Amino acid sequence: MTRLVPMRNAAYPRFLDEAVTGYARDNVAAGRWPADEALELSRDEFSRLLPAGLETADHRIYEIEDEAGGHVVGFVWLAFVPKGTMK
């Protein structure tokens, strides 16, 4: 079994680094961003989306934890946005 636990402050830098890198890679692979600009564009996007990190209003980031071993096996990021405001 797994459970969701609010992301711990100590885990956020690793999450952010992996998320920024993965998002940059995905956008290059999709042909949306040039490789030489991808990391900067991804960092900018994350700075816009999570300006206060884990304390950003209307965003919740959880770790998915394996209950048996206590190991983090993934994460879930929820953003609460009013209907019709996503661009």
N, C-alpha and C. Protein backbone atom coordinates (compact mmCIF):
# COMPACT_ATOMS: atom_id res chain seq x y z
N MET A 1 0.83 -1.19 0.00
CA MET A 1 0.00 0.00 0.00
C MET A 1 0.87 1.24 0.00
N THR A 2 0.28 2.31 -0.49
CA THR A 2 0.96 3.60 -0.46
C THR A 2 0.05 4.62 0.22
N ARG A 3 0.65 5.74 0.59
CA ARG A 3 -0.14 6.82 1.19
C ARG A 3 0.43 8.15 0.72
N LEU A 4 -0.42 9.17 0.75
CA LEU A 4 0.02 10.52 0.42
C LEU A 4 0.37 11.25 1.70
N VAL A 5 1.53 11.90 1.69
CA VAL A 5 1.93 12.75 2.81
C VAL A 5 2.36 14.10 2.25
N PRO A 6 2.03 15.19 2.92
CA PRO A 6 2.47 16.49 2.42
C PRO A 6 3.99 16.48 2.23
N MET A 7 4.43 17.08 1.11
CA MET A 7 5.86 17.09 0.83
C MET A 7 6.59 17.81 1.95
N ARG A 8 7.68 17.21 2.37
CA ARG A 8 8.51 17.79 3.42
C ARG A 8 9.42 18.85 2.80
N ASN A 9 9.71 19.89 3.55
CA ASN A 9 10.58 20.97 3.06
C ASN A 9 11.91 20.44 2.55
N ALA A 10 12.46 19.45 3.23
CA ALA A 10 13.76 18.90 2.84
C ALA A 10 13.70 18.21 1.48
N ALA A 11 12.53 17.73 1.08
CA ALA A 11 12.38 17.01 -0.19
C ALA A 11 12.15 17.95 -1.37
N TYR A 12 11.73 19.18 -1.10
CA TYR A 12 11.35 20.10 -2.18
C TYR A 12 12.49 20.41 -3.16
N PRO A 13 13.70 20.71 -2.73
CA PRO A 13 14.76 21.01 -3.71
C PRO A 13 15.00 19.88 -4.71
N ARG A 14 14.99 18.65 -4.24
CA ARG A 14 15.18 17.51 -5.14
C ARG A 14 14.00 17.38 -6.10
N PHE A 15 12.78 17.51 -5.58
CA PHE A 15 11.59 17.48 -6.42
C PHE A 15 11.68 18.55 -7.50
N LEU A 16 12.01 19.77 -7.12
CA LEU A 16 12.06 20.88 -8.06
C LEU A 16 13.11 20.63 -9.14
N ASP A 17 14.27 20.18 -8.75
CA ASP A 17 15.34 19.90 -9.71
C ASP A 17 14.90 18.84 -10.71
N GLU A 18 14.34 17.75 -10.22
CA GLU A 18 13.89 16.67 -11.10
C GLU A 18 12.73 17.10 -11.98
N ALA A 19 11.80 17.88 -11.42
CA ALA A 19 10.64 18.33 -12.19
C ALA A 19 11.06 19.31 -13.29
N VAL A 20 11.94 20.25 -12.97
CA VAL A 20 12.42 21.22 -13.95
C VAL A 20 13.15 20.51 -15.08
N THR A 21 14.03 19.59 -14.74
CA THR A 21 14.79 18.86 -15.74
C THR A 21 13.88 18.01 -16.62
N GLY A 22 12.95 17.31 -16.00
CA GLY A 22 12.03 16.47 -16.76
C GLY A 22 11.12 17.27 -17.67
N TYR A 23 10.64 18.41 -17.19
CA TYR A 23 9.75 19.25 -17.99
C TYR A 23 10.51 19.82 -19.18
N ALA A 24 11.75 20.23 -18.97
CA ALA A 24 12.58 20.73 -20.07
C ALA A 24 12.78 19.64 -21.11
N ARG A 25 13.13 18.46 -20.67
CA ARG A 25 13.37 17.33 -21.57
C ARG A 25 12.10 17.00 -22.37
N ASP A 26 10.95 16.98 -21.70
CA ASP A 26 9.69 16.66 -22.38
C ASP A 26 9.34 17.71 -23.44
N ASN A 27 9.59 18.97 -23.15
CA ASN A 27 9.28 20.03 -24.11
C ASN A 27 10.23 20.03 -25.31
N VAL A 28 11.47 19.64 -25.09
CA VAL A 28 12.41 19.49 -26.22
C VAL A 28 11.96 18.31 -27.08
N ALA A 29 11.64 17.19 -26.46
CA ALA A 29 11.21 16.00 -27.19
C ALA A 29 9.95 16.26 -27.99
N ALA A 30 9.06 17.11 -27.48
CA ALA A 30 7.81 17.43 -28.17
C ALA A 30 8.00 18.48 -29.25
N GLY A 31 9.20 19.04 -29.34
CA GLY A 31 9.49 20.05 -30.35
C GLY A 31 9.01 21.44 -30.00
N ARG A 32 8.62 21.66 -28.76
CA ARG A 32 8.12 22.98 -28.35
C ARG A 32 9.24 23.95 -28.00
N TRP A 33 10.33 23.44 -27.46
CA TRP A 33 11.43 24.29 -27.01
C TRP A 33 12.74 23.85 -27.62
N PRO A 34 13.63 24.81 -27.95
CA PRO A 34 14.97 24.44 -28.40
C PRO A 34 15.79 23.93 -27.20
N ALA A 35 16.62 22.95 -27.44
CA ALA A 35 17.39 22.31 -26.36
C ALA A 35 18.24 23.30 -25.58
N ASP A 36 18.83 24.27 -26.28
CA ASP A 36 19.74 25.19 -25.59
C ASP A 36 19.02 26.20 -24.70
N GLU A 37 17.70 26.30 -24.79
CA GLU A 37 16.93 27.22 -23.96
C GLU A 37 16.01 26.50 -22.98
N ALA A 38 15.91 25.20 -23.10
CA ALA A 38 14.88 24.44 -22.37
C ALA A 38 14.99 24.56 -20.86
N LEU A 39 16.16 24.42 -20.30
CA LEU A 39 16.27 24.49 -18.84
C LEU A 39 15.87 25.86 -18.31
N GLU A 40 16.29 26.91 -18.98
CA GLU A 40 15.92 28.26 -18.54
C GLU A 40 14.42 28.48 -18.65
N LEU A 41 13.82 28.02 -19.75
CA LEU A 41 12.37 28.15 -19.92
C LEU A 41 11.62 27.37 -18.86
N SER A 42 12.11 26.18 -18.55
CA SER A 42 11.46 25.35 -17.53
C SER A 42 11.58 26.00 -16.15
N ARG A 43 12.77 26.50 -15.82
CA ARG A 43 12.94 27.19 -14.53
C ARG A 43 11.99 28.38 -14.42
N ASP A 44 11.89 29.15 -15.51
CA ASP A 44 10.99 30.30 -15.51
C ASP A 44 9.54 29.88 -15.27
N GLU A 45 9.13 28.80 -15.91
CA GLU A 45 7.75 28.31 -15.75
C GLU A 45 7.48 27.87 -14.32
N PHE A 46 8.42 27.14 -13.72
CA PHE A 46 8.25 26.70 -12.34
C PHE A 46 8.26 27.88 -11.38
N SER A 47 9.09 28.88 -11.65
CA SER A 47 9.10 30.08 -10.81
C SER A 47 7.77 30.80 -10.86
N ARG A 48 7.15 30.80 -12.04
CA ARG A 48 5.85 31.44 -12.19
C ARG A 48 4.75 30.63 -11.49
N LEU A 49 4.81 29.31 -11.62
CA LEU A 49 3.77 28.45 -11.07
C LEU A 49 3.88 28.27 -9.55
N LEU A 50 5.10 28.20 -9.05
CA LEU A 50 5.33 27.96 -7.62
C LEU A 50 6.23 29.05 -7.03
N PRO A 51 5.78 30.31 -7.06
CA PRO A 51 6.65 31.39 -6.60
C PRO A 51 7.05 31.30 -5.13
N ALA A 52 6.24 30.66 -4.32
CA ALA A 52 6.54 30.51 -2.90
C ALA A 52 6.84 29.05 -2.55
N GLY A 53 7.25 28.28 -3.54
CA GLY A 53 7.56 26.87 -3.29
C GLY A 53 6.39 26.13 -2.70
N LEU A 54 6.63 25.38 -1.66
CA LEU A 54 5.58 24.59 -1.02
C LEU A 54 4.50 25.45 -0.38
N GLU A 55 4.79 26.71 -0.16
CA GLU A 55 3.83 27.62 0.47
C GLU A 55 2.99 28.39 -0.56
N THR A 56 3.10 28.06 -1.84
CA THR A 56 2.33 28.74 -2.87
C THR A 56 0.85 28.48 -2.66
N ALA A 57 0.08 29.57 -2.64
CA ALA A 57 -1.37 29.45 -2.43
C ALA A 57 -2.00 28.60 -3.51
N ASP A 58 -2.96 27.80 -3.11
CA ASP A 58 -3.78 26.97 -4.00
C ASP A 58 -3.00 25.86 -4.70
N HIS A 59 -1.82 25.52 -4.20
CA HIS A 59 -1.03 24.39 -4.72
C HIS A 59 -0.70 23.47 -3.55
N ARG A 60 -0.80 22.20 -3.79
CA ARG A 60 -0.44 21.20 -2.79
C ARG A 60 0.43 20.15 -3.47
N ILE A 61 1.54 19.83 -2.84
CA ILE A 61 2.43 18.80 -3.38
C ILE A 61 2.58 17.73 -2.30
N TYR A 62 2.34 16.50 -2.71
CA TYR A 62 2.39 15.37 -1.80
C TYR A 62 3.43 14.37 -2.27
N GLU A 63 4.04 13.71 -1.32
CA GLU A 63 4.90 12.57 -1.62
C GLU A 63 4.03 11.31 -1.56
N ILE A 64 4.29 10.40 -2.46
CA ILE A 64 3.64 9.09 -2.41
C ILE A 64 4.63 8.18 -1.71
N GLU A 65 4.22 7.69 -0.57
CA GLU A 65 5.12 6.92 0.29
C GLU A 65 4.67 5.47 0.37
N ASP A 66 5.61 4.57 0.21
CA ASP A 66 5.35 3.16 0.41
C ASP A 66 5.23 2.93 1.91
N GLU A 67 4.07 2.49 2.36
CA GLU A 67 3.83 2.34 3.79
C GLU A 67 4.74 1.29 4.43
N ALA A 68 5.02 0.23 3.71
CA ALA A 68 5.82 -0.86 4.29
C ALA A 68 7.25 -0.42 4.59
N GLY A 69 7.86 0.27 3.63
CA GLY A 69 9.26 0.64 3.82
C GLY A 69 9.48 2.11 4.11
N GLY A 70 8.45 2.91 3.97
CA GLY A 70 8.58 4.33 4.22
C GLY A 70 9.32 5.08 3.13
N HIS A 71 9.54 4.44 1.97
CA HIS A 71 10.26 5.06 0.86
C HIS A 71 9.31 5.87 -0.01
N VAL A 72 9.81 7.02 -0.47
CA VAL A 72 9.02 7.83 -1.39
C VAL A 72 9.15 7.23 -2.79
N VAL A 73 8.00 6.97 -3.40
CA VAL A 73 7.99 6.33 -4.72
C VAL A 73 7.44 7.26 -5.81
N GLY A 74 7.04 8.46 -5.44
CA GLY A 74 6.53 9.41 -6.42
C GLY A 74 5.95 10.62 -5.73
N PHE A 75 5.28 11.46 -6.51
CA PHE A 75 4.66 12.64 -5.95
C PHE A 75 3.39 12.97 -6.72
N VAL A 76 2.55 13.81 -6.10
CA VAL A 76 1.34 14.33 -6.71
C VAL A 76 1.33 15.83 -6.48
N TRP A 77 1.10 16.58 -7.55
CA TRP A 77 1.02 18.05 -7.45
C TRP A 77 -0.38 18.46 -7.87
N LEU A 78 -1.12 19.08 -6.97
CA LEU A 78 -2.47 19.56 -7.24
C LEU A 78 -2.46 21.08 -7.25
N ALA A 79 -3.12 21.65 -8.26
CA ALA A 79 -3.28 23.09 -8.33
C ALA A 79 -4.78 23.37 -8.41
N PHE A 80 -5.26 24.22 -7.56
CA PHE A 80 -6.67 24.59 -7.53
C PHE A 80 -6.81 25.90 -8.29
N VAL A 81 -7.49 25.85 -9.45
CA VAL A 81 -7.66 27.04 -10.28
C VAL A 81 -9.14 27.22 -10.59
N PRO A 82 -9.60 28.46 -10.55
CA PRO A 82 -11.00 28.70 -10.91
C PRO A 82 -11.28 28.29 -12.35
N LYS A 83 -12.44 27.78 -12.60
CA LYS A 83 -12.84 27.34 -13.93
C LYS A 83 -12.69 28.48 -14.93
N GLY A 84 -12.07 28.17 -16.07
CA GLY A 84 -11.93 29.15 -17.14
C GLY A 84 -10.70 30.04 -17.02
N THR A 85 -9.81 29.78 -16.05
CA THR A 85 -8.65 30.65 -15.91
C THR A 85 -7.35 30.03 -16.40
N MET A 86 -7.37 28.78 -16.81
CA MET A 86 -6.15 28.13 -17.32
C MET A 86 -5.86 28.63 -18.72
N LYS A 87 -4.59 28.91 -18.99
CA LYS A 87 -4.16 29.34 -20.32
C LYS A 87 -3.27 28.31 -20.94
